[in-house]
Amino acid sequence: MDAYVTKQIGETIKHQRLLKGMTVEAFAKQIDISKLTLIKIERGDGNPTLSVIWKIANGLQVPVASLLATNNEVEISRKKARLALTNTEETFIAEPIFQQKEYELYRGYMKANCDYQSEAHAPGVTECITVMSGELIIALESGTHHLYEHDAIRFNGNQIHRYINPTKVDTTLHFVISY
């Protein structure tokens, strides 16, 4: 992420935390990250992973998109020209495309043979995923579902779930998270 974006995200997180009346120490403990990590993120000095961003959003009880939102009347999202949220290994990349109060739309990229586990989202959250290219296995508490190009799935996001790319080529996804 570039410095301007990380600073903007940090300011938004701090603002949301203060609105909830929480100290840095209490909030960091609640979401199970170090106080130093949270301080760096709020200052715009940190480069948080996707899982840390999810922990923060869940802890603040806000959509991830609200931490990243812009307020333009018309938005164009260009491939790989926006903010990219990644896991530590940078094998799973989520690019926020558009955000509204009720939903978030992402473009996702999974490297070959990648396995990414997502934290459970807040109750009432639904995920809809379409495989744009490649293949995807979604592992839920109820079982696994193998998706191919242009297949789609909808499921309750309030459970730990895994995205698995079982192939030797990258997979491209579009996913909508609705509240």
Protein backbone atom coordinates (compact mmCIF):
# COMPACT_ATOMS: atom_id res chain seq x y z
CA MET A 1 0.00 0.00 0.00
CA ASP A 2 1.25 3.48 -0.64
CA ALA A 3 1.94 5.84 2.26
CA TYR A 4 -1.08 8.08 1.61
CA VAL A 5 -3.49 5.12 1.63
CA THR A 6 -2.03 3.56 4.79
CA LYS A 7 -2.19 6.93 6.56
CA GLN A 8 -5.84 7.37 5.53
CA ILE A 9 -6.72 3.86 6.70
CA GLY A 10 -4.93 4.44 9.99
CA GLU A 11 -6.79 7.69 10.64
CA THR A 12 -10.11 6.00 9.90
CA ILE A 13 -9.34 3.12 12.26
CA LYS A 14 -8.31 5.49 15.03
CA HIS A 15 -11.43 7.60 14.51
CA GLN A 16 -13.69 4.51 14.63
CA ARG A 17 -11.91 3.20 17.74
CA LEU A 18 -12.30 6.54 19.53
CA LEU A 19 -15.99 6.68 18.58
CA LYS A 20 -16.36 3.35 20.40
CA GLY A 21 -14.56 4.86 23.42
CA MET A 22 -11.79 2.28 23.35
CA THR A 23 -8.14 2.73 24.29
CA VAL A 24 -5.38 1.38 22.07
CA GLU A 25 -4.53 -1.20 24.75
CA ALA A 26 -8.10 -2.43 25.20
CA PHE A 27 -8.81 -2.62 21.48
CA ALA A 28 -5.55 -4.40 20.65
CA LYS A 29 -6.27 -6.96 23.35
CA GLN A 30 -9.87 -7.43 22.14
CA ILE A 31 -8.80 -8.19 18.56
CA ASP A 32 -5.69 -10.15 19.55
CA ILE A 33 -2.98 -8.05 17.93
CA SER A 34 -0.11 -6.30 19.64
CA LYS A 35 -0.49 -2.75 20.90
CA LEU A 36 2.58 -1.74 18.88
CA THR A 37 1.06 -3.14 15.68
CA LEU A 38 -2.16 -1.18 16.23
CA ILE A 39 -0.26 2.03 16.99
CA LYS A 40 1.77 1.63 13.78
CA ILE A 41 -1.36 1.00 11.73
CA GLU A 42 -3.15 4.03 13.20
CA ARG A 43 -0.13 6.24 12.46
CA GLY A 44 -0.01 4.97 8.88
CA ASP A 45 3.39 3.38 9.47
CA GLY A 46 2.19 -0.23 9.34
CA ASN A 47 1.21 -2.31 6.34
CA PRO A 48 -1.55 -4.51 7.76
CA THR A 49 -2.31 -7.90 6.27
CA LEU A 50 -5.79 -8.84 5.15
CA SER A 51 -6.36 -10.90 8.29
CA VAL A 52 -5.39 -7.95 10.53
CA ILE A 53 -7.73 -5.64 8.60
CA TRP A 54 -10.55 -8.21 9.11
CA LYS A 55 -9.79 -8.42 12.84
CA ILE A 56 -9.92 -4.64 13.14
CA ALA A 57 -13.18 -4.34 11.17
CA ASN A 58 -14.81 -7.14 13.16
CA GLY A 59 -13.61 -5.59 16.43
CA LEU A 60 -15.05 -2.22 15.45
CA GLN A 61 -18.20 -3.92 14.14
CA VAL A 62 -17.88 -2.16 10.78
CA PRO A 63 -17.47 -3.46 7.22
CA VAL A 64 -13.89 -3.66 5.98
CA ALA A 65 -14.92 -1.30 3.20
CA SER A 66 -15.78 1.45 5.67
CA LEU A 67 -12.12 1.53 6.65
CA LEU A 68 -11.12 1.89 2.98
CA ALA A 69 -14.04 3.88 1.52
CA THR A 70 -13.98 6.89 -0.76
CA ASN A 71 -16.87 9.28 -1.33
CA ASN A 72 -16.93 9.84 -5.09
CA GLU A 73 -20.16 10.03 -7.14
CA VAL A 74 -18.60 8.05 -9.98
CA GLU A 75 -15.90 5.48 -9.41
CA ILE A 76 -13.93 3.45 -11.91
CA SER A 77 -11.97 0.48 -10.69
CA ARG A 78 -9.02 -0.47 -12.86
CA LYS A 79 -7.27 -3.80 -12.61
CA LYS A 80 -4.43 -3.71 -10.06
CA ALA A 81 -4.68 0.09 -9.79
CA ARG A 82 -6.27 0.15 -6.34
CA LEU A 83 -5.42 -0.85 -2.84
CA ALA A 84 -4.40 -4.51 -2.50
CA LEU A 85 -4.98 -6.39 0.75
CA THR A 86 -2.89 -9.53 1.04
CA ASN A 87 -2.14 -12.36 3.38
CA THR A 88 1.36 -12.55 4.86
CA GLU A 89 2.66 -14.76 2.03
CA GLU A 90 1.04 -12.52 -0.63
CA THR A 91 -0.57 -15.57 -2.24
CA PHE A 92 -4.14 -14.27 -1.70
CA ILE A 93 -4.85 -10.72 -2.85
CA ALA A 94 -8.14 -8.86 -2.42
CA GLU A 95 -8.66 -5.55 -4.18
CA PRO A 96 -11.65 -3.56 -2.89
CA ILE A 97 -13.56 -2.42 -5.97
CA PHE A 98 -16.69 -0.69 -4.66
CA GLN A 99 -18.18 -0.25 -1.22
CA GLN A 100 -21.61 0.76 -0.07
CA LYS A 101 -23.28 0.57 3.32
CA GLU A 102 -24.87 -2.81 2.49
CA TYR A 103 -22.08 -4.51 0.52
CA GLU A 104 -18.45 -4.64 -0.53
CA LEU A 105 -17.29 -5.81 -3.97
CA TYR A 106 -13.77 -7.23 -4.34
CA ARG A 107 -11.57 -8.57 -7.09
CA GLY A 108 -9.49 -11.46 -5.80
CA TYR A 109 -6.38 -13.23 -7.00
CA MET A 110 -5.08 -16.53 -5.71
CA LYS A 111 -1.66 -17.86 -6.63
CA ALA A 112 -1.34 -21.45 -7.84
CA ASN A 113 -1.71 -24.07 -5.09
CA CYS A 114 -2.71 -21.37 -2.57
CA ASP A 115 -4.73 -22.02 0.58
CA TYR A 116 -6.14 -19.02 2.51
CA GLN A 117 -8.23 -19.25 5.67
CA SER A 118 -10.62 -16.39 6.42
CA GLU A 119 -11.80 -15.50 9.88
CA ALA A 120 -15.51 -15.74 10.59
CA HIS A 121 -17.35 -12.52 9.82
CA ALA A 122 -20.03 -10.95 11.97
CA PRO A 123 -23.46 -12.63 12.13
CA GLY A 124 -25.64 -11.76 9.15
CA VAL A 125 -22.75 -11.41 6.69
CA THR A 126 -23.16 -13.26 3.38
CA GLU A 127 -20.42 -13.95 0.84
CA CYS A 128 -21.06 -14.47 -2.87
CA ILE A 129 -18.08 -15.59 -4.95
CA THR A 130 -17.77 -16.02 -8.71
CA VAL A 131 -14.73 -17.72 -10.23
CA MET A 132 -13.73 -15.55 -13.20
CA SER A 133 -10.84 -17.79 -14.24
CA GLY A 134 -9.28 -20.93 -12.85
CA GLU A 135 -10.75 -23.11 -10.10
CA LEU A 136 -11.60 -22.66 -6.44
CA ILE A 137 -12.47 -24.93 -3.56
CA ILE A 138 -14.44 -23.33 -0.74
CA ALA A 139 -14.18 -25.24 2.54
CA LEU A 140 -17.01 -24.52 4.97
CA GLU A 141 -18.11 -26.18 8.19
CA SER A 142 -20.77 -28.01 6.15
CA GLY A 143 -18.30 -29.37 3.57
CA THR A 144 -16.23 -28.41 0.55
CA HIS A 145 -17.44 -27.07 -2.78
CA HIS A 146 -15.37 -27.23 -5.97
CA LEU A 147 -16.02 -24.34 -8.35
CA TYR A 148 -14.87 -23.91 -11.93
CA GLU A 149 -14.68 -20.90 -14.24
CA HIS A 150 -17.89 -18.81 -14.04
CA ASP A 151 -19.35 -20.94 -11.22
CA ALA A 152 -20.63 -19.01 -8.19
CA ILE A 153 -21.40 -19.78 -4.56
CA ARG A 154 -23.26 -17.98 -1.76
CA PHE A 155 -22.77 -18.81 1.93
CA ASN A 156 -23.04 -17.38 5.42
CA GLY A 157 -19.74 -15.71 6.24
CA ASN A 158 -20.11 -16.04 10.02
CA GLN A 159 -17.94 -19.17 10.01
CA ILE A 160 -14.27 -19.81 9.43
CA HIS A 161 -13.88 -20.64 5.74
CA ARG A 162 -11.03 -21.47 3.40
CA TYR A 163 -10.34 -20.51 -0.18
CA ILE A 164 -8.20 -23.13 -1.94
CA ASN A 165 -6.73 -22.90 -5.43
CA PRO A 166 -5.98 -26.56 -6.26
CA THR A 167 -4.40 -25.85 -9.65
CA LYS A 168 -1.01 -24.91 -11.06
CA VAL A 169 -2.35 -21.61 -12.43
CA ASP A 170 -3.59 -18.45 -10.73
CA THR A 171 -7.31 -18.04 -10.05
CA THR A 172 -9.26 -14.78 -10.39
CA LEU A 173 -12.40 -14.16 -8.32
CA HIS A 174 -15.08 -11.54 -7.83
CA PHE A 175 -16.68 -11.60 -4.44
CA VAL A 176 -19.42 -9.64 -2.77
CA ILE A 177 -19.72 -9.39 0.98
CA SER A 178 -23.15 -8.17 2.02
CA TYR A 179 -24.34 -6.97 5.44
